[in-house]
Amino acid sequence: MTSSLILFLVSAAALLTTVLIPGWSDFLTLSAPCFLAASILLIRSGIRRVRRKQWVVVDGSNVMHWRDGKPRLETVKEAVAQLEASGFTPGVVFDANAGYLLFDKYLHHRAFAKRLGLPEERVMVVPKGTPADPTILAAARDHGARILTNDQFRDWSDQHPEIKDPGYLITGRYASGRLKLDL
């Protein structure tokens, strides 16, 4: 964005110079197309910046326990809805046992995605015997995302020092029967 802005300003100055200073009008054939190209680049970089997704990785197995300490998929759905309403793009990661805790049976990512109303590629259930924490932390790092959880990931702080950055971990809770996210 910065380089596009600089190119735009330089080409605007060149165009203005060719129009205002007598004898420089021959450079109009060069400065006008440069100004047009710089304008297009500036607009495109602005559009890309607006479209850039702000990812949040949701620790589904943590969030589902936030209301009364009981596992509820509705809590995760509510958190996802609040994130989307705030302009974030959530992806959810569950431990392998999440389906058993919620529905007394194993659920894969497709089933969770359908129940959450999310695209399949934004929901993951880690394999049995694998902790979800490293997957959550790696996904956040890979996507430049923040993490919604009340877990502090203390066991992983050496490999992921970014968890200590203010605002990297988004916490939440229920207060007066309503979900509050610390965005």
C-alpha atoms as a PDB file:
ATOM      1  CA  MET A   1       0.000   0.000   0.000  1.00  0.00           C
ATOM      2  CA  THR A   2       2.817   2.428   0.854  1.00  0.00           C
ATOM      3  CA  SER A   3       4.680   1.875  -2.411  1.00  0.00           C
ATOM      4  CA  SER A   4       1.434   2.299  -4.379  1.00  0.00           C
ATOM      5  CA  LEU A   5       0.754   5.563  -2.579  1.00  0.00           C
ATOM      6  CA  ILE A   6       4.269   6.869  -3.236  1.00  0.00           C
ATOM      7  CA  LEU A   7       4.043   5.913  -6.924  1.00  0.00           C
ATOM      8  CA  PHE A   8       0.659   7.646  -7.142  1.00  0.00           C
ATOM      9  CA  LEU A   9       1.964  10.852  -5.529  1.00  0.00           C
ATOM     10  CA  VAL A  10       5.081  10.987  -7.732  1.00  0.00           C
ATOM     11  CA  SER A  11       3.081  10.381 -10.913  1.00  0.00           C
ATOM     12  CA  ALA A  12       0.477  12.975  -9.848  1.00  0.00           C
ATOM     13  CA  ALA A  13       3.268  15.509  -9.305  1.00  0.00           C
ATOM     14  CA  ALA A  14       4.762  14.658 -12.699  1.00  0.00           C
ATOM     15  CA  LEU A  15       1.376  15.029 -14.405  1.00  0.00           C
ATOM     16  CA  LEU A  16       0.724  18.320 -12.666  1.00  0.00           C
ATOM     17  CA  THR A  17       4.172  19.564 -13.661  1.00  0.00           C
ATOM     18  CA  THR A  18       3.630  18.712 -17.348  1.00  0.00           C
ATOM     19  CA  VAL A  19       0.287  20.538 -17.351  1.00  0.00           C
ATOM     20  CA  LEU A  20       1.379  23.654 -15.470  1.00  0.00           C
ATOM     21  CA  ILE A  21       4.902  24.353 -16.765  1.00  0.00           C
ATOM     22  CA  PRO A  22       5.103  25.618 -20.352  1.00  0.00           C
ATOM     23  CA  GLY A  23       7.418  23.596 -22.549  1.00  0.00           C
ATOM     24  CA  TRP A  24       6.964  20.387 -20.551  1.00  0.00           C
ATOM     25  CA  SER A  25       3.788  19.321 -22.353  1.00  0.00           C
ATOM     26  CA  ASP A  26       5.763  16.756 -24.376  1.00  0.00           C
ATOM     27  CA  PHE A  27       6.088  14.708 -21.179  1.00  0.00           C
ATOM     28  CA  LEU A  28       2.296  14.463 -20.935  1.00  0.00           C
ATOM     29  CA  THR A  29       2.366  11.304 -23.083  1.00  0.00           C
ATOM     30  CA  LEU A  30       4.539   9.703 -20.397  1.00  0.00           C
ATOM     31  CA  SER A  31       3.128  11.187 -17.187  1.00  0.00           C
ATOM     32  CA  ALA A  32      -0.574  10.608 -17.972  1.00  0.00           C
ATOM     33  CA  PRO A  33      -0.299   6.799 -18.443  1.00  0.00           C
ATOM     34  CA  CYS A  34       1.948   6.599 -15.359  1.00  0.00           C
ATOM     35  CA  PHE A  35      -0.639   8.489 -13.326  1.00  0.00           C
ATOM     36  CA  LEU A  36      -3.416   6.212 -14.609  1.00  0.00           C
ATOM     37  CA  ALA A  37      -1.421   3.054 -13.803  1.00  0.00           C
ATOM     38  CA  ALA A  38      -0.511   4.347 -10.337  1.00  0.00           C
ATOM     39  CA  SER A  39      -4.164   5.173  -9.666  1.00  0.00           C
ATOM     40  CA  ILE A  40      -5.215   1.634 -10.599  1.00  0.00           C
ATOM     41  CA  LEU A  41      -2.509   0.119  -8.380  1.00  0.00           C
ATOM     42  CA  LEU A  42      -3.545   2.298  -5.447  1.00  0.00           C
ATOM     43  CA  ILE A  43      -7.206   1.313  -5.809  1.00  0.00           C
ATOM     44  CA  ARG A  44      -6.347  -2.393  -6.112  1.00  0.00           C
ATOM     45  CA  SER A  45      -4.120  -2.356  -3.035  1.00  0.00           C
ATOM     46  CA  GLY A  46      -6.875  -0.589  -1.073  1.00  0.00           C
ATOM     47  CA  ILE A  47      -9.427  -3.212  -2.123  1.00  0.00           C
ATOM     48  CA  ARG A  48      -7.062  -6.048  -1.166  1.00  0.00           C
ATOM     49  CA  ARG A  49      -6.509  -4.483   2.227  1.00  0.00           C
ATOM     50  CA  VAL A  50     -10.256  -4.256   2.855  1.00  0.00           C
ATOM     51  CA  ARG A  51     -10.797  -7.871   1.763  1.00  0.00           C
ATOM     52  CA  ARG A  52      -7.996  -9.299   3.920  1.00  0.00           C
ATOM     53  CA  LYS A  53      -9.496 -11.734   6.385  1.00  0.00           C
ATOM     54  CA  GLN A  54      -8.761 -11.376  10.052  1.00  0.00           C
ATOM     55  CA  TRP A  55      -8.621 -14.983  11.134  1.00  0.00           C
ATOM     56  CA  VAL A  56      -9.375 -16.222  14.632  1.00  0.00           C
ATOM     57  CA  VAL A  57      -8.723 -19.849  15.553  1.00  0.00           C
ATOM     58  CA  VAL A  58     -11.375 -20.982  18.022  1.00  0.00           C
ATOM     59  CA  ASP A  59     -10.324 -23.573  20.594  1.00  0.00           C
ATOM     60  CA  GLY A  60     -13.647 -25.399  20.288  1.00  0.00           C
ATOM     61  CA  SER A  61     -12.961 -27.883  23.063  1.00  0.00           C
ATOM     62  CA  ASN A  62     -12.232 -25.025  25.459  1.00  0.00           C
ATOM     63  CA  VAL A  63     -15.020 -22.669  24.386  1.00  0.00           C
ATOM     64  CA  MET A  64     -17.720 -25.362  24.556  1.00  0.00           C
ATOM     65  CA  HIS A  65     -17.256 -25.478  28.365  1.00  0.00           C
ATOM     66  CA  TRP A  66     -17.634 -21.749  29.021  1.00  0.00           C
ATOM     67  CA  ARG A  67     -21.297 -21.830  30.029  1.00  0.00           C
ATOM     68  CA  ASP A  68     -21.691 -23.471  33.437  1.00  0.00           C
ATOM     69  CA  GLY A  69     -18.669 -25.706  32.777  1.00  0.00           C
ATOM     70  CA  LYS A  70     -20.854 -28.071  30.737  1.00  0.00           C
ATOM     71  CA  PRO A  71     -19.938 -28.888  27.115  1.00  0.00           C
ATOM     72  CA  ARG A  72     -22.392 -27.213  24.741  1.00  0.00           C
ATOM     73  CA  LEU A  73     -22.047 -26.721  21.001  1.00  0.00           C
ATOM     74  CA  GLU A  74     -24.356 -23.709  21.278  1.00  0.00           C
ATOM     75  CA  THR A  75     -21.591 -21.874  23.142  1.00  0.00           C
ATOM     76  CA  VAL A  76     -19.207 -22.410  20.214  1.00  0.00           C
ATOM     77  CA  LYS A  77     -21.918 -21.344  17.748  1.00  0.00           C
ATOM     78  CA  GLU A  78     -22.547 -18.188  19.747  1.00  0.00           C
ATOM     79  CA  ALA A  79     -18.807 -17.383  19.870  1.00  0.00           C
ATOM     80  CA  VAL A  80     -18.482 -17.946  16.109  1.00  0.00           C
ATOM     81  CA  ALA A  81     -21.471 -15.671  15.464  1.00  0.00           C
ATOM     82  CA  GLN A  82     -19.999 -12.901  17.641  1.00  0.00           C
ATOM     83  CA  LEU A  83     -16.634 -13.166  15.908  1.00  0.00           C
ATOM     84  CA  GLU A  84     -18.243 -12.961  12.469  1.00  0.00           C
ATOM     85  CA  ALA A  85     -20.373 -10.003  13.555  1.00  0.00           C
ATOM     86  CA  SER A  86     -17.154  -8.275  14.657  1.00  0.00           C
ATOM     87  CA  GLY A  87     -15.579  -8.783  11.216  1.00  0.00           C
ATOM     88  CA  PHE A  88     -13.430 -11.820  12.002  1.00  0.00           C
ATOM     89  CA  THR A  89     -13.238 -15.087  10.077  1.00  0.00           C
ATOM     90  CA  PRO A  90     -13.300 -17.946  12.589  1.00  0.00           C
ATOM     91  CA  GLY A  91     -11.927 -21.439  12.153  1.00  0.00           C
ATOM     92  CA  VAL A  92     -12.664 -24.019  14.846  1.00  0.00           C
ATOM     93  CA  VAL A  93     -10.405 -26.816  16.126  1.00  0.00           C
ATOM     94  CA  PHE A  94     -11.758 -29.605  18.357  1.00  0.00           C
ATOM     95  CA  ASP A  95     -10.120 -32.418  20.292  1.00  0.00           C
ATOM     96  CA  ALA A  96     -11.041 -35.898  19.002  1.00  0.00           C
ATOM     97  CA  ASN A  97     -13.286 -36.532  22.014  1.00  0.00           C
ATOM     98  CA  ALA A  98     -15.461 -33.434  21.479  1.00  0.00           C
ATOM     99  CA  GLY A  99     -18.185 -35.411  19.700  1.00  0.00           C
ATOM    100  CA  TYR A 100     -18.349 -37.890  22.575  1.00  0.00           C
ATOM    101  CA  LEU A 101     -18.627 -35.094  25.131  1.00  0.00           C
ATOM    102  CA  LEU A 102     -21.374 -33.355  23.188  1.00  0.00           C
ATOM    103  CA  PHE A 103     -23.298 -36.158  21.465  1.00  0.00           C
ATOM    104  CA  ASP A 104     -21.996 -39.472  22.909  1.00  0.00           C
ATOM    105  CA  LYS A 105     -20.404 -40.380  19.556  1.00  0.00           C
ATOM    106  CA  TYR A 106     -17.431 -39.446  17.422  1.00  0.00           C
ATOM    107  CA  LEU A 107     -18.006 -36.533  15.041  1.00  0.00           C
ATOM    108  CA  HIS A 108     -15.647 -35.632  12.204  1.00  0.00           C
ATOM    109  CA  HIS A 109     -15.072 -32.151  10.831  1.00  0.00           C
ATOM    110  CA  ARG A 110     -17.921 -32.367   8.290  1.00  0.00           C
ATOM    111  CA  ALA A 111     -20.491 -33.096  10.981  1.00  0.00           C
ATOM    112  CA  PHE A 112     -19.205 -30.295  13.204  1.00  0.00           C
ATOM    113  CA  ALA A 113     -19.069 -27.877  10.261  1.00  0.00           C
ATOM    114  CA  LYS A 114     -22.676 -28.656   9.384  1.00  0.00           C
ATOM    115  CA  ARG A 115     -23.839 -28.183  12.981  1.00  0.00           C
ATOM    116  CA  LEU A 116     -21.881 -24.917  13.277  1.00  0.00           C
ATOM    117  CA  GLY A 117     -22.984 -23.606   9.883  1.00  0.00           C
ATOM    118  CA  LEU A 118     -19.385 -23.197   8.735  1.00  0.00           C
ATOM    119  CA  PRO A 119     -17.595 -24.401   5.594  1.00  0.00           C
ATOM    120  CA  GLU A 120     -15.824 -27.748   6.111  1.00  0.00           C
ATOM    121  CA  GLU A 121     -12.405 -26.242   5.512  1.00  0.00           C
ATOM    122  CA  ARG A 122     -12.837 -24.010   8.571  1.00  0.00           C
ATOM    123  CA  VAL A 123     -13.433 -26.843  11.044  1.00  0.00           C
ATOM    124  CA  MET A 124     -10.947 -29.467  12.192  1.00  0.00           C
ATOM    125  CA  VAL A 125     -11.088 -32.404  14.583  1.00  0.00           C
ATOM    126  CA  VAL A 126      -7.592 -33.524  15.545  1.00  0.00           C
ATOM    127  CA  PRO A 127      -6.812 -37.253  15.402  1.00  0.00           C
ATOM    128  CA  LYS A 128      -7.380 -39.418  18.464  1.00  0.00           C
ATOM    129  CA  GLY A 129      -4.449 -39.294  20.866  1.00  0.00           C
ATOM    130  CA  THR A 130      -3.234 -35.955  19.486  1.00  0.00           C
ATOM    131  CA  PRO A 131      -3.560 -32.844  21.639  1.00  0.00           C
ATOM    132  CA  ALA A 132      -5.333 -29.969  19.882  1.00  0.00           C
ATOM    133  CA  ASP A 133      -3.081 -27.276  21.354  1.00  0.00           C
ATOM    134  CA  PRO A 134      -0.166 -27.649  18.906  1.00  0.00           C
ATOM    135  CA  THR A 135      -2.596 -27.694  15.974  1.00  0.00           C
ATOM    136  CA  ILE A 136      -4.357 -24.572  17.239  1.00  0.00           C
ATOM    137  CA  LEU A 137      -1.067 -22.750  17.772  1.00  0.00           C
ATOM    138  CA  ALA A 138       0.331 -23.795  14.383  1.00  0.00           C
ATOM    139  CA  ALA A 139      -2.861 -22.800  12.560  1.00  0.00           C
ATOM    140  CA  ALA A 140      -2.833 -19.390  14.251  1.00  0.00           C
ATOM    141  CA  ARG A 141       0.806 -18.849  13.342  1.00  0.00           C
ATOM    142  CA  ASP A 142       0.296 -20.000   9.725  1.00  0.00           C
ATOM    143  CA  HIS A 143      -2.720 -17.723   9.182  1.00  0.00           C
ATOM    144  CA  GLY A 144      -1.505 -14.734  11.195  1.00  0.00           C
ATOM    145  CA  ALA A 145      -4.526 -15.330  13.416  1.00  0.00           C
ATOM    146  CA  ARG A 146      -5.463 -14.741  17.008  1.00  0.00           C
ATOM    147  CA  ILE A 147      -6.860 -17.516  19.230  1.00  0.00           C
ATOM    148  CA  LEU A 148     -10.176 -17.579  21.094  1.00  0.00           C
ATOM    149  CA  THR A 149      -9.647 -19.586  24.285  1.00  0.00           C
ATOM    150  CA  ASN A 150      -9.312 -19.325  28.031  1.00  0.00           C
ATOM    151  CA  ASP A 151      -6.321 -21.682  27.890  1.00  0.00           C
ATOM    152  CA  GLN A 152      -2.970 -19.967  28.507  1.00  0.00           C
ATOM    153  CA  PHE A 153      -0.949 -22.623  26.589  1.00  0.00           C
ATOM    154  CA  ARG A 154       1.773 -22.551  29.254  1.00  0.00           C
ATOM    155  CA  ASP A 155       3.172 -25.912  28.085  1.00  0.00           C
ATOM    156  CA  TRP A 156       3.759 -24.437  24.633  1.00  0.00           C
ATOM    157  CA  SER A 157       5.115 -20.979  25.489  1.00  0.00           C
ATOM    158  CA  ASP A 158       8.716 -21.878  24.596  1.00  0.00           C
ATOM    159  CA  GLN A 159       7.781 -22.998  21.064  1.00  0.00           C
ATOM    160  CA  HIS A 160       5.154 -20.232  20.636  1.00  0.00           C
ATOM    161  CA  PRO A 161       6.317 -17.049  22.394  1.00  0.00           C
ATOM    162  CA  GLU A 162       3.628 -15.078  20.527  1.00  0.00           C
ATOM    163  CA  ILE A 163       1.041 -16.315  23.032  1.00  0.00           C
ATOM    164  CA  LYS A 164       2.471 -13.767  25.471  1.00  0.00           C
ATOM    165  CA  ASP A 165       1.729 -10.870  23.090  1.00  0.00           C
ATOM    166  CA  PRO A 166      -1.152  -8.717  24.360  1.00  0.00           C
ATOM    167  CA  GLY A 167      -4.371  -9.502  22.496  1.00  0.00           C
ATOM    168  CA  TYR A 168      -3.041 -12.651  20.828  1.00  0.00           C
ATOM    169  CA  LEU A 169      -5.258 -14.807  23.029  1.00  0.00           C
ATOM    170  CA  ILE A 170      -8.866 -13.659  23.049  1.00  0.00           C
ATOM    171  CA  THR A 171     -10.639 -14.696  26.225  1.00  0.00           C
ATOM    172  CA  GLY A 172     -14.317 -14.898  26.973  1.00  0.00           C
ATOM    173  CA  ARG A 173     -16.899 -15.744  29.597  1.00  0.00           C
ATOM    174  CA  TYR A 174     -20.564 -15.710  30.372  1.00  0.00           C
ATOM    175  CA  ALA A 175     -21.799 -12.777  32.428  1.00  0.00           C
ATOM    176  CA  SER A 176     -25.481 -12.307  33.266  1.00  0.00           C
ATOM    177  CA  GLY A 177     -26.338 -15.124  30.858  1.00  0.00           C
ATOM    178  CA  ARG A 178     -24.592 -13.474  27.892  1.00  0.00           C
ATOM    179  CA  LEU A 179     -21.365 -14.374  26.145  1.00  0.00           C
ATOM    180  CA  LYS A 180     -18.684 -11.688  26.427  1.00  0.00           C
ATOM    181  CA  LEU A 181     -15.563 -11.835  24.256  1.00  0.00           C
ATOM    182  CA  ASP A 182     -12.552  -9.716  25.146  1.00  0.00           C
ATOM    183  CA  LEU A 183     -11.852  -8.512  21.624  1.00  0.00           C
END
